[in-house]
Amino acid sequence: MTALVQELLNTFDRLTDSERLELVLEILKRTVDLDFPPLSDEDLVLNAEGLFLELDEQETMYE
């Protein structure tokens, strides 16, 4: 992750909920027509694994 992207994410974390929603909606509007290459099976598996690990961690925190 580049320093600029990290800075944007840090700024996003400091926004209010309504500002976050406004930003996310604007980003989605701007990216909906981008032509992304399809994800490989390996990319999908890695993303799924990351999501499941995150969910397991959250579940452990709530128990």
N, C-alpha and C. Protein backbone atom coordinates (compact mmCIF):
# COMPACT_ATOMS: atom_id res chain seq x y z
N MET A 1 0.86 -1.16 0.00
CA MET A 1 0.00 0.00 0.00
C MET A 1 0.91 1.23 0.00
N THR A 2 0.57 2.17 -0.85
CA THR A 2 1.39 3.37 -0.92
C THR A 2 1.10 4.29 0.26
N ALA A 3 2.01 5.22 0.51
CA ALA A 3 1.84 6.17 1.61
C ALA A 3 0.60 7.03 1.39
N LEU A 4 0.34 7.40 0.15
CA LEU A 4 -0.82 8.23 -0.15
C LEU A 4 -2.12 7.48 0.16
N VAL A 5 -2.19 6.22 -0.22
CA VAL A 5 -3.38 5.42 0.07
C VAL A 5 -3.56 5.28 1.58
N GLN A 6 -2.48 5.03 2.30
CA GLN A 6 -2.56 4.91 3.76
C GLN A 6 -3.05 6.21 4.37
N GLU A 7 -2.56 7.33 3.85
CA GLU A 7 -2.99 8.64 4.35
C GLU A 7 -4.48 8.85 4.11
N LEU A 8 -4.96 8.46 2.93
CA LEU A 8 -6.39 8.57 2.63
C LEU A 8 -7.22 7.71 3.59
N LEU A 9 -6.76 6.50 3.86
CA LEU A 9 -7.48 5.62 4.78
C LEU A 9 -7.48 6.19 6.20
N ASN A 10 -6.37 6.75 6.62
CA ASN A 10 -6.31 7.37 7.94
C ASN A 10 -7.29 8.54 8.04
N THR A 11 -7.36 9.33 6.98
CA THR A 11 -8.30 10.45 6.95
C THR A 11 -9.72 9.92 6.98
N PHE A 12 -10.00 8.87 6.23
CA PHE A 12 -11.32 8.26 6.21
C PHE A 12 -11.73 7.83 7.63
N ASP A 13 -10.80 7.25 8.36
CA ASP A 13 -11.08 6.78 9.72
C ASP A 13 -11.45 7.92 10.66
N ARG A 14 -10.99 9.13 10.36
CA ARG A 14 -11.29 10.28 11.21
C ARG A 14 -12.61 10.97 10.85
N LEU A 15 -13.25 10.57 9.77
CA LEU A 15 -14.50 11.19 9.35
C LEU A 15 -15.66 10.75 10.23
N THR A 16 -16.70 11.56 10.25
CA THR A 16 -17.93 11.15 10.93
C THR A 16 -18.62 10.08 10.08
N ASP A 17 -19.59 9.40 10.64
CA ASP A 17 -20.31 8.37 9.89
C ASP A 17 -20.96 8.94 8.64
N SER A 18 -21.57 10.11 8.75
CA SER A 18 -22.25 10.69 7.58
C SER A 18 -21.23 11.10 6.51
N GLU A 19 -20.06 11.59 6.92
CA GLU A 19 -19.02 11.93 5.94
C GLU A 19 -18.48 10.68 5.27
N ARG A 20 -18.33 9.61 6.03
CA ARG A 20 -17.87 8.34 5.45
C ARG A 20 -18.85 7.84 4.40
N LEU A 21 -20.12 7.89 4.72
CA LEU A 21 -21.14 7.45 3.78
C LEU A 21 -21.10 8.29 2.51
N GLU A 22 -20.99 9.59 2.67
CA GLU A 22 -20.93 10.50 1.52
C GLU A 22 -19.72 10.16 0.64
N LEU A 23 -18.57 9.93 1.27
CA LEU A 23 -17.36 9.60 0.53
C LEU A 23 -17.48 8.26 -0.20
N VAL A 24 -17.98 7.26 0.50
CA VAL A 24 -18.13 5.93 -0.10
C VAL A 24 -19.07 5.99 -1.31
N LEU A 25 -20.16 6.69 -1.17
CA LEU A 25 -21.10 6.81 -2.30
C LEU A 25 -20.45 7.49 -3.49
N GLU A 26 -19.66 8.52 -3.24
CA GLU A 26 -18.99 9.22 -4.34
C GLU A 26 -17.93 8.32 -5.00
N ILE A 27 -17.19 7.57 -4.20
CA ILE A 27 -16.19 6.65 -4.77
C ILE A 27 -16.87 5.58 -5.61
N LEU A 28 -17.97 5.03 -5.12
CA LEU A 28 -18.70 4.02 -5.89
C LEU A 28 -19.19 4.57 -7.22
N LYS A 29 -19.70 5.79 -7.21
CA LYS A 29 -20.16 6.42 -8.46
C LYS A 29 -19.02 6.53 -9.45
N ARG A 30 -17.84 6.85 -8.96
CA ARG A 30 -16.69 7.07 -9.85
C ARG A 30 -16.05 5.78 -10.33
N THR A 31 -16.28 4.68 -9.64
CA THR A 31 -15.62 3.43 -10.00
C THR A 31 -16.53 2.41 -10.68
N VAL A 32 -17.81 2.68 -10.74
CA VAL A 32 -18.75 1.69 -11.26
C VAL A 32 -18.47 1.32 -12.72
N ASP A 33 -17.93 2.24 -13.49
CA ASP A 33 -17.70 1.98 -14.91
C ASP A 33 -16.25 1.62 -15.24
N LEU A 34 -15.41 1.46 -14.23
CA LEU A 34 -14.02 1.07 -14.50
C LEU A 34 -13.97 -0.37 -14.98
N ASP A 35 -13.05 -0.63 -15.87
CA ASP A 35 -12.92 -1.98 -16.44
C ASP A 35 -11.79 -2.72 -15.72
N PHE A 36 -12.16 -3.41 -14.63
CA PHE A 36 -11.18 -4.17 -13.87
C PHE A 36 -11.01 -5.56 -14.48
N PRO A 37 -9.78 -6.08 -14.48
CA PRO A 37 -9.60 -7.46 -14.96
C PRO A 37 -10.23 -8.43 -13.97
N PRO A 38 -10.68 -9.59 -14.44
CA PRO A 38 -11.28 -10.56 -13.52
C PRO A 38 -10.25 -11.04 -12.51
N LEU A 39 -10.73 -11.35 -11.30
CA LEU A 39 -9.85 -11.89 -10.27
C LEU A 39 -9.53 -13.35 -10.56
N SER A 40 -8.31 -13.74 -10.25
CA SER A 40 -7.93 -15.15 -10.41
C SER A 40 -8.52 -15.95 -9.25
N ASP A 41 -8.55 -17.25 -9.42
CA ASP A 41 -9.02 -18.12 -8.34
C ASP A 41 -8.19 -17.92 -7.08
N GLU A 42 -6.88 -17.74 -7.27
CA GLU A 42 -5.99 -17.53 -6.12
C GLU A 42 -6.36 -16.23 -5.39
N ASP A 43 -6.63 -15.17 -6.14
CA ASP A 43 -7.03 -13.90 -5.52
C ASP A 43 -8.33 -14.07 -4.74
N LEU A 44 -9.28 -14.78 -5.31
CA LEU A 44 -10.56 -14.99 -4.64
C LEU A 44 -10.38 -15.77 -3.35
N VAL A 45 -9.55 -16.82 -3.40
CA VAL A 45 -9.30 -17.64 -2.21
C VAL A 45 -8.62 -16.80 -1.12
N LEU A 46 -7.62 -16.00 -1.50
CA LEU A 46 -6.93 -15.17 -0.52
C LEU A 46 -7.87 -14.15 0.11
N ASN A 47 -8.73 -13.55 -0.69
CA ASN A 47 -9.69 -12.58 -0.15
C ASN A 47 -10.69 -13.26 0.76
N ALA A 48 -11.17 -14.43 0.37
CA ALA A 48 -12.13 -15.16 1.20
C ALA A 48 -11.48 -15.56 2.53
N GLU A 49 -10.24 -16.02 2.45
CA GLU A 49 -9.53 -16.41 3.67
C GLU A 49 -9.39 -15.21 4.61
N GLY A 50 -9.03 -14.07 4.06
CA GLY A 50 -8.90 -12.87 4.87
C GLY A 50 -10.21 -12.47 5.53
N LEU A 51 -11.31 -12.57 4.79
CA LEU A 51 -12.62 -12.24 5.34
C LEU A 51 -13.00 -13.20 6.47
N PHE A 52 -12.79 -14.48 6.25
CA PHE A 52 -13.14 -15.46 7.28
C PHE A 52 -12.30 -15.29 8.54
N LEU A 53 -11.01 -14.99 8.37
CA LEU A 53 -10.16 -14.74 9.53
C LEU A 53 -10.63 -13.51 10.29
N GLU A 54 -11.01 -12.47 9.58
CA GLU A 54 -11.53 -11.26 10.22
C GLU A 54 -12.82 -11.56 10.97
N LEU A 55 -13.71 -12.32 10.35
CA LEU A 55 -14.97 -12.68 11.02
C LEU A 55 -14.72 -13.52 12.26
N ASP A 56 -13.79 -14.46 12.18
CA ASP A 56 -13.44 -15.28 13.35
C ASP A 56 -12.91 -14.41 14.48
N GLU A 57 -12.08 -13.43 14.13
CA GLU A 57 -11.53 -12.53 15.14
C GLU A 57 -12.64 -11.70 15.80
N GLN A 58 -13.55 -11.18 14.99
CA GLN A 58 -14.66 -10.40 15.52
C GLN A 58 -15.56 -11.26 16.40
N GLU A 59 -15.80 -12.49 15.96
CA GLU A 59 -16.65 -13.39 16.74
C GLU A 59 -16.03 -13.68 18.10
N THR A 60 -14.72 -13.86 18.13
CA THR A 60 -14.02 -14.11 19.39
C THR A 60 -14.13 -12.92 20.33
N MET A 61 -14.10 -11.70 19.78
CA MET A 61 -14.21 -10.50 20.60
C MET A 61 -15.59 -10.36 21.22
N TYR A 62 -16.62 -10.86 20.54
CA TYR A 62 -17.99 -10.70 21.03
C TYR A 62 -18.44 -11.82 21.97
N GLU A 63 -17.62 -12.85 22.12
CA GLU A 63 -18.01 -13.97 22.99
C GLU A 63 -17.69 -13.69 24.43
